[in-house]
Amino acid sequence: MITDTEIRLKGLKVLAEHLGDVEAERFIALIQREPFDYTTWRQGLDEDLSIEEISKKAMALRMKDTEQGV
């Protein structure tokens, strides 16, 4: 299990890599400003996919992260 600091650093790194520094900061500001339930939001993203499709997406993402050292 990693520390809270490590999670923050990895999260910021991923956000900056994928969104750029400015948009990463905007994303963080949006999350802090608005009442936000990540679990509820996340549940709706893959509702049209089967369990197998979600699993394949998760495994592909994990492989990509492993290859990139994230």
PDB file of N, CA and C in Angstrom:
ATOM      1  N   MET A   1       0.850  -1.175   0.000  1.00  0.00           N
ATOM      2  CA  MET A   1       0.000   0.000   0.000  1.00  0.00           C
ATOM      3  C   MET A   1       0.896   1.239   0.000  1.00  0.00           C
ATOM      4  N   ILE A   2       0.559   2.202  -0.850  1.00  0.00           N
ATOM      5  CA  ILE A   2       1.369   3.406  -0.929  1.00  0.00           C
ATOM      6  C   ILE A   2       0.778   4.512  -0.053  1.00  0.00           C
ATOM      7  N   THR A   3       1.616   5.489   0.250  1.00  0.00           N
ATOM      8  CA  THR A   3       1.177   6.569   1.148  1.00  0.00           C
ATOM      9  C   THR A   3       0.277   7.558   0.404  1.00  0.00           C
ATOM     10  N   ASP A   4      -0.406   8.398   1.169  1.00  0.00           N
ATOM     11  CA  ASP A   4      -1.245   9.445   0.583  1.00  0.00           C
ATOM     12  C   ASP A   4      -0.415  10.388  -0.286  1.00  0.00           C
ATOM     13  N   THR A   5       0.795  10.706   0.167  1.00  0.00           N
ATOM     14  CA  THR A   5       1.670  11.592  -0.605  1.00  0.00           C
ATOM     15  C   THR A   5       2.018  10.971  -1.947  1.00  0.00           C
ATOM     16  N   GLU A   6       2.323   9.678  -1.959  1.00  0.00           N
ATOM     17  CA  GLU A   6       2.645   8.992  -3.218  1.00  0.00           C
ATOM     18  C   GLU A   6       1.447   8.985  -4.164  1.00  0.00           C
ATOM     19  N   ILE A   7       0.253   8.785  -3.617  1.00  0.00           N
ATOM     20  CA  ILE A   7      -0.960   8.805  -4.441  1.00  0.00           C
ATOM     21  C   ILE A   7      -1.145  10.186  -5.056  1.00  0.00           C
ATOM     22  N   ARG A   8      -0.967  11.232  -4.254  1.00  0.00           N
ATOM     23  CA  ARG A   8      -1.098  12.600  -4.773  1.00  0.00           C
ATOM     24  C   ARG A   8      -0.096  12.864  -5.894  1.00  0.00           C
ATOM     25  N   LEU A   9       1.150  12.488  -5.670  1.00  0.00           N
ATOM     26  CA  LEU A   9       2.190  12.731  -6.675  1.00  0.00           C
ATOM     27  C   LEU A   9       1.911  11.972  -7.969  1.00  0.00           C
ATOM     28  N   LYS A  10       1.528  10.707  -7.845  1.00  0.00           N
ATOM     29  CA  LYS A  10       1.214   9.915  -9.045  1.00  0.00           C
ATOM     30  C   LYS A  10      -0.008  10.474  -9.763  1.00  0.00           C
ATOM     31  N   GLY A  11      -1.013  10.869  -9.003  1.00  0.00           N
ATOM     32  CA  GLY A  11      -2.219  11.433  -9.599  1.00  0.00           C
ATOM     33  C   GLY A  11      -1.932  12.717 -10.348  1.00  0.00           C
ATOM     34  N   LEU A  12      -1.153  13.597  -9.747  1.00  0.00           N
ATOM     35  CA  LEU A  12      -0.797  14.848 -10.415  1.00  0.00           C
ATOM     36  C   LEU A  12       0.032  14.595 -11.666  1.00  0.00           C
ATOM     37  N   LYS A  13       0.929  13.614 -11.581  1.00  0.00           N
ATOM     38  CA  LYS A  13       1.753  13.266 -12.743  1.00  0.00           C
ATOM     39  C   LYS A  13       0.879  12.787 -13.905  1.00  0.00           C
ATOM     40  N   VAL A  14      -0.056  11.903 -13.618  1.00  0.00           N
ATOM     41  CA  VAL A  14      -0.944  11.373 -14.662  1.00  0.00           C
ATOM     42  C   VAL A  14      -1.805  12.488 -15.245  1.00  0.00           C
ATOM     43  N   LEU A  15      -2.386  13.316 -14.383  1.00  0.00           N
ATOM     44  CA  LEU A  15      -3.202  14.422 -14.869  1.00  0.00           C
ATOM     45  C   LEU A  15      -2.391  15.354 -15.763  1.00  0.00           C
ATOM     46  N   ALA A  16      -1.202  15.725 -15.326  1.00  0.00           N
ATOM     47  CA  ALA A  16      -0.374  16.646 -16.104  1.00  0.00           C
ATOM     48  C   ALA A  16       0.029  16.030 -17.438  1.00  0.00           C
ATOM     49  N   GLU A  17       0.346  14.741 -17.443  1.00  0.00           N
ATOM     50  CA  GLU A  17       0.741  14.068 -18.686  1.00  0.00           C
ATOM     51  C   GLU A  17      -0.393  14.013 -19.693  1.00  0.00           C
ATOM     52  N   HIS A  18      -1.600  13.803 -19.204  1.00  0.00           N
ATOM     53  CA  HIS A  18      -2.739  13.617 -20.104  1.00  0.00           C
ATOM     54  C   HIS A  18      -3.507  14.901 -20.398  1.00  0.00           C
ATOM     55  N   LEU A  19      -3.483  15.849 -19.463  1.00  0.00           N
ATOM     56  CA  LEU A  19      -4.245  17.080 -19.652  1.00  0.00           C
ATOM     57  C   LEU A  19      -3.362  18.301 -19.869  1.00  0.00           C
ATOM     58  N   GLY A  20      -2.122  18.227 -19.472  1.00  0.00           N
ATOM     59  CA  GLY A  20      -1.257  19.400 -19.447  1.00  0.00           C
ATOM     60  C   GLY A  20      -1.394  20.074 -18.091  1.00  0.00           C
ATOM     61  N   ASP A  21      -0.427  20.919 -17.773  1.00  0.00           N
ATOM     62  CA  ASP A  21      -0.406  21.534 -16.440  1.00  0.00           C
ATOM     63  C   ASP A  21      -1.627  22.404 -16.151  1.00  0.00           C
ATOM     64  N   VAL A  22      -2.000  23.236 -17.107  1.00  0.00           N
ATOM     65  CA  VAL A  22      -3.111  24.169 -16.879  1.00  0.00           C
ATOM     66  C   VAL A  22      -4.428  23.418 -16.703  1.00  0.00           C
ATOM     67  N   GLU A  23      -4.715  22.477 -17.604  1.00  0.00           N
ATOM     68  CA  GLU A  23      -5.975  21.734 -17.507  1.00  0.00           C
ATOM     69  C   GLU A  23      -5.995  20.821 -16.285  1.00  0.00           C
ATOM     70  N   ALA A  24      -4.840  20.303 -15.870  1.00  0.00           N
ATOM     71  CA  ALA A  24      -4.782  19.491 -14.653  1.00  0.00           C
ATOM     72  C   ALA A  24      -5.186  20.341 -13.443  1.00  0.00           C
ATOM     73  N   GLU A  25      -4.666  21.571 -13.387  1.00  0.00           N
ATOM     74  CA  GLU A  25      -5.052  22.466 -12.290  1.00  0.00           C
ATOM     75  C   GLU A  25      -6.530  22.814 -12.354  1.00  0.00           C
ATOM     76  N   ARG A  26      -7.047  23.034 -13.563  1.00  0.00           N
ATOM     77  CA  ARG A  26      -8.481  23.320 -13.714  1.00  0.00           C
ATOM     78  C   ARG A  26      -9.312  22.144 -13.220  1.00  0.00           C
ATOM     79  N   PHE A  27      -8.901  20.916 -13.571  1.00  0.00           N
ATOM     80  CA  PHE A  27      -9.617  19.717 -13.132  1.00  0.00           C
ATOM     81  C   PHE A  27      -9.662  19.660 -11.606  1.00  0.00           C
ATOM     82  N   ILE A  28      -8.527  19.873 -10.975  1.00  0.00           N
ATOM     83  CA  ILE A  28      -8.471  19.840  -9.511  1.00  0.00           C
ATOM     84  C   ILE A  28      -9.368  20.916  -8.917  1.00  0.00           C
ATOM     85  N   ALA A  29      -9.348  22.107  -9.501  1.00  0.00           N
ATOM     86  CA  ALA A  29     -10.206  23.191  -9.002  1.00  0.00           C
ATOM     87  C   ALA A  29     -11.678  22.820  -9.145  1.00  0.00           C
ATOM     88  N   LEU A  30     -12.042  22.198 -10.272  1.00  0.00           N
ATOM     89  CA  LEU A  30     -13.435  21.786 -10.467  1.00  0.00           C
ATOM     90  C   LEU A  30     -13.863  20.762  -9.421  1.00  0.00           C
ATOM     91  N   ILE A  31     -13.003  19.810  -9.157  1.00  0.00           N
ATOM     92  CA  ILE A  31     -13.321  18.762  -8.176  1.00  0.00           C
ATOM     93  C   ILE A  31     -13.498  19.378  -6.788  1.00  0.00           C
ATOM     94  N   GLN A  32     -12.645  20.309  -6.446  1.00  0.00           N
ATOM     95  CA  GLN A  32     -12.729  20.923  -5.115  1.00  0.00           C
ATOM     96  C   GLN A  32     -13.914  21.867  -4.986  1.00  0.00           C
ATOM     97  N   ARG A  33     -14.299  22.502  -6.073  1.00  0.00           N
ATOM     98  CA  ARG A  33     -15.360  23.516  -6.045  1.00  0.00           C
ATOM     99  C   ARG A  33     -16.757  22.898  -5.998  1.00  0.00           C
ATOM    100  N   GLU A  34     -16.955  21.809  -6.730  1.00  0.00           N
ATOM    101  CA  GLU A  34     -18.282  21.233  -6.870  1.00  0.00           C
ATOM    102  C   GLU A  34     -18.439  20.008  -5.972  1.00  0.00           C
ATOM    103  N   PRO A  35     -19.632  19.828  -5.411  1.00  0.00           N
ATOM    104  CA  PRO A  35     -19.867  18.559  -4.711  1.00  0.00           C
ATOM    105  C   PRO A  35     -19.780  17.448  -5.744  1.00  0.00           C
ATOM    106  N   PHE A  36     -18.958  16.484  -5.487  1.00  0.00           N
ATOM    107  CA  PHE A  36     -18.640  15.490  -6.511  1.00  0.00           C
ATOM    108  C   PHE A  36     -18.557  14.114  -5.864  1.00  0.00           C
ATOM    109  N   ASP A  37     -19.330  13.182  -6.360  1.00  0.00           N
ATOM    110  CA  ASP A  37     -19.281  11.806  -5.891  1.00  0.00           C
ATOM    111  C   ASP A  37     -18.660  10.957  -6.994  1.00  0.00           C
ATOM    112  N   TYR A  38     -17.358  10.702  -6.868  1.00  0.00           N
ATOM    113  CA  TYR A  38     -16.620   9.979  -7.897  1.00  0.00           C
ATOM    114  C   TYR A  38     -17.251   8.617  -8.184  1.00  0.00           C
ATOM    115  N   THR A  39     -17.662   7.902  -7.151  1.00  0.00           N
ATOM    116  CA  THR A  39     -18.218   6.565  -7.327  1.00  0.00           C
ATOM    117  C   THR A  39     -19.473   6.601  -8.186  1.00  0.00           C
ATOM    118  N   THR A  40     -20.377   7.521  -7.891  1.00  0.00           N
ATOM    119  CA  THR A  40     -21.606   7.641  -8.679  1.00  0.00           C
ATOM    120  C   THR A  40     -21.286   8.036 -10.112  1.00  0.00           C
ATOM    121  N   TRP A  41     -20.385   9.001 -10.288  1.00  0.00           N
ATOM    122  CA  TRP A  41     -19.985   9.450 -11.629  1.00  0.00           C
ATOM    123  C   TRP A  41     -19.372   8.299 -12.419  1.00  0.00           C
ATOM    124  N   ARG A  42     -18.505   7.555 -11.792  1.00  0.00           N
ATOM    125  CA  ARG A  42     -17.787   6.467 -12.460  1.00  0.00           C
ATOM    126  C   ARG A  42     -18.737   5.335 -12.862  1.00  0.00           C
ATOM    127  N   GLN A  43     -19.737   5.071 -12.055  1.00  0.00           N
ATOM    128  CA  GLN A  43     -20.662   3.980 -12.349  1.00  0.00           C
ATOM    129  C   GLN A  43     -21.382   4.181 -13.677  1.00  0.00           C
ATOM    130  N   GLY A  44     -21.679   5.406 -14.027  1.00  0.00           N
ATOM    131  CA  GLY A  44     -22.402   5.682 -15.260  1.00  0.00           C
ATOM    132  C   GLY A  44     -21.559   5.607 -16.521  1.00  0.00           C
ATOM    133  N   LEU A  45     -20.243   5.607 -16.390  1.00  0.00           N
ATOM    134  CA  LEU A  45     -19.381   5.648 -17.567  1.00  0.00           C
ATOM    135  C   LEU A  45     -19.402   4.360 -18.382  1.00  0.00           C
ATOM    136  N   ASP A  46     -19.505   3.233 -17.736  1.00  0.00           N
ATOM    137  CA  ASP A  46     -19.404   1.953 -18.428  1.00  0.00           C
ATOM    138  C   ASP A  46     -20.701   1.143 -18.368  1.00  0.00           C
ATOM    139  N   GLU A  47     -21.816   1.813 -18.166  1.00  0.00           N
ATOM    140  CA  GLU A  47     -23.057   1.078 -17.953  1.00  0.00           C
ATOM    141  C   GLU A  47     -23.515   0.294 -19.180  1.00  0.00           C
ATOM    142  N   ASP A  48     -23.056   0.668 -20.381  1.00  0.00           N
ATOM    143  CA  ASP A  48     -23.457  -0.054 -21.586  1.00  0.00           C
ATOM    144  C   ASP A  48     -22.508  -1.202 -21.928  1.00  0.00           C
ATOM    145  N   LEU A  49     -21.479  -1.397 -21.115  1.00  0.00           N
ATOM    146  CA  LEU A  49     -20.511  -2.453 -21.383  1.00  0.00           C
ATOM    147  C   LEU A  49     -20.793  -3.683 -20.529  1.00  0.00           C
ATOM    148  N   SER A  50     -20.442  -4.832 -21.076  1.00  0.00           N
ATOM    149  CA  SER A  50     -20.576  -6.067 -20.298  1.00  0.00           C
ATOM    150  C   SER A  50     -19.421  -6.147 -19.297  1.00  0.00           C
ATOM    151  N   ILE A  51     -19.541  -7.050 -18.352  1.00  0.00           N
ATOM    152  CA  ILE A  51     -18.471  -7.266 -17.371  1.00  0.00           C
ATOM    153  C   ILE A  51     -17.176  -7.642 -18.092  1.00  0.00           C
ATOM    154  N   GLU A  52     -17.280  -8.457 -19.123  1.00  0.00           N
ATOM    155  CA  GLU A  52     -16.100  -8.883 -19.874  1.00  0.00           C
ATOM    156  C   GLU A  52     -15.425  -7.691 -20.558  1.00  0.00           C
ATOM    157  N   GLU A  53     -16.240  -6.790 -21.132  1.00  0.00           N
ATOM    158  CA  GLU A  53     -15.677  -5.612 -21.807  1.00  0.00           C
ATOM    159  C   GLU A  53     -15.006  -4.671 -20.806  1.00  0.00           C
ATOM    160  N   ILE A  54     -15.630  -4.491 -19.657  1.00  0.00           N
ATOM    161  CA  ILE A  54     -15.034  -3.647 -18.620  1.00  0.00           C
ATOM    162  C   ILE A  54     -13.726  -4.266 -18.139  1.00  0.00           C
ATOM    163  N   SER A  55     -13.722  -5.571 -17.948  1.00  0.00           N
ATOM    164  CA  SER A  55     -12.517  -6.264 -17.511  1.00  0.00           C
ATOM    165  C   SER A  55     -11.395  -6.114 -18.539  1.00  0.00           C
ATOM    166  N   LYS A  56     -11.721  -6.266 -19.818  1.00  0.00           N
ATOM    167  CA  LYS A  56     -10.711  -6.115 -20.868  1.00  0.00           C
ATOM    168  C   LYS A  56     -10.140  -4.703 -20.876  1.00  0.00           C
ATOM    169  N   LYS A  57     -11.019  -3.697 -20.722  1.00  0.00           N
ATOM    170  CA  LYS A  57     -10.552  -2.314 -20.673  1.00  0.00           C
ATOM    171  C   LYS A  57      -9.631  -2.097 -19.471  1.00  0.00           C
ATOM    172  N   ALA A  58     -10.012  -2.637 -18.334  1.00  0.00           N
ATOM    173  CA  ALA A  58      -9.208  -2.481 -17.124  1.00  0.00           C
ATOM    174  C   ALA A  58      -7.848  -3.154 -17.281  1.00  0.00           C
ATOM    175  N   MET A  59      -7.832  -4.353 -17.847  1.00  0.00           N
ATOM    176  CA  MET A  59      -6.566  -5.066 -18.044  1.00  0.00           C
ATOM    177  C   MET A  59      -5.667  -4.325 -19.031  1.00  0.00           C
ATOM    178  N   ALA A  60      -6.254  -3.788 -20.103  1.00  0.00           N
ATOM    179  CA  ALA A  60      -5.471  -3.039 -21.090  1.00  0.00           C
ATOM    180  C   ALA A  60      -4.869  -1.784 -20.455  1.00  0.00           C
ATOM    181  N   LEU A  61      -5.661  -1.099 -19.643  1.00  0.00           N
ATOM    182  CA  LEU A  61      -5.177   0.099 -18.971  1.00  0.00           C
ATOM    183  C   LEU A  61      -4.059  -0.258 -17.994  1.00  0.00           C
ATOM    184  N   ARG A  62      -4.229  -1.345 -17.281  1.00  0.00           N
ATOM    185  CA  ARG A  62      -3.207  -1.780 -16.320  1.00  0.00           C
ATOM    186  C   ARG A  62      -1.906  -2.120 -17.040  1.00  0.00           C
ATOM    187  N   MET A  63      -2.000  -2.803 -18.173  1.00  0.00           N
ATOM    188  CA  MET A  63      -0.806  -3.149 -18.956  1.00  0.00           C
ATOM    189  C   MET A  63      -0.111  -1.879 -19.443  1.00  0.00           C
ATOM    190  N   LYS A  64      -0.876  -0.931 -19.915  1.00  0.00           N
ATOM    191  CA  LYS A  64      -0.327   0.341 -20.394  1.00  0.00           C
ATOM    192  C   LYS A  64       0.395   1.066 -19.251  1.00  0.00           C
ATOM    193  N   ASP A  65      -0.246   1.121 -18.082  1.00  0.00           N
ATOM    194  CA  ASP A  65       0.351   1.768 -16.929  1.00  0.00           C
ATOM    195  C   ASP A  65       1.641   1.058 -16.501  1.00  0.00           C
ATOM    196  N   THR A  66       1.620  -0.256 -16.543  1.00  0.00           N
ATOM    197  CA  THR A  66       2.804  -1.037 -16.161  1.00  0.00           C
ATOM    198  C   THR A  66       3.953  -0.761 -17.125  1.00  0.00           C
ATOM    199  N   GLU A  67       3.644  -0.710 -18.413  1.00  0.00           N
ATOM    200  CA  GLU A  67       4.663  -0.440 -19.415  1.00  0.00           C
ATOM    201  C   GLU A  67       5.244   0.966 -19.271  1.00  0.00           C
ATOM    202  N   GLN A  68       4.422   1.914 -18.854  1.00  0.00           N
ATOM    203  CA  GLN A  68       4.853   3.298 -18.706  1.00  0.00           C
ATOM    204  C   GLN A  68       5.466   3.568 -17.329  1.00  0.00           C
ATOM    205  N   GLY A  69       5.396   2.579 -16.442  1.00  0.00           N
ATOM    206  CA  GLY A  69       5.957   2.747 -15.113  1.00  0.00           C
ATOM    207  C   GLY A  69       5.135   3.618 -14.202  1.00  0.00           C
ATOM    208  N   VAL A  70       3.825   3.722 -14.464  1.00  0.00           N
ATOM    209  CA  VAL A  70       2.950   4.549 -13.618  1.00  0.00           C
ATOM    210  C   VAL A  70       2.568   3.777 -12.381  1.00  0.00           C
TER     211      VAL A  70
END
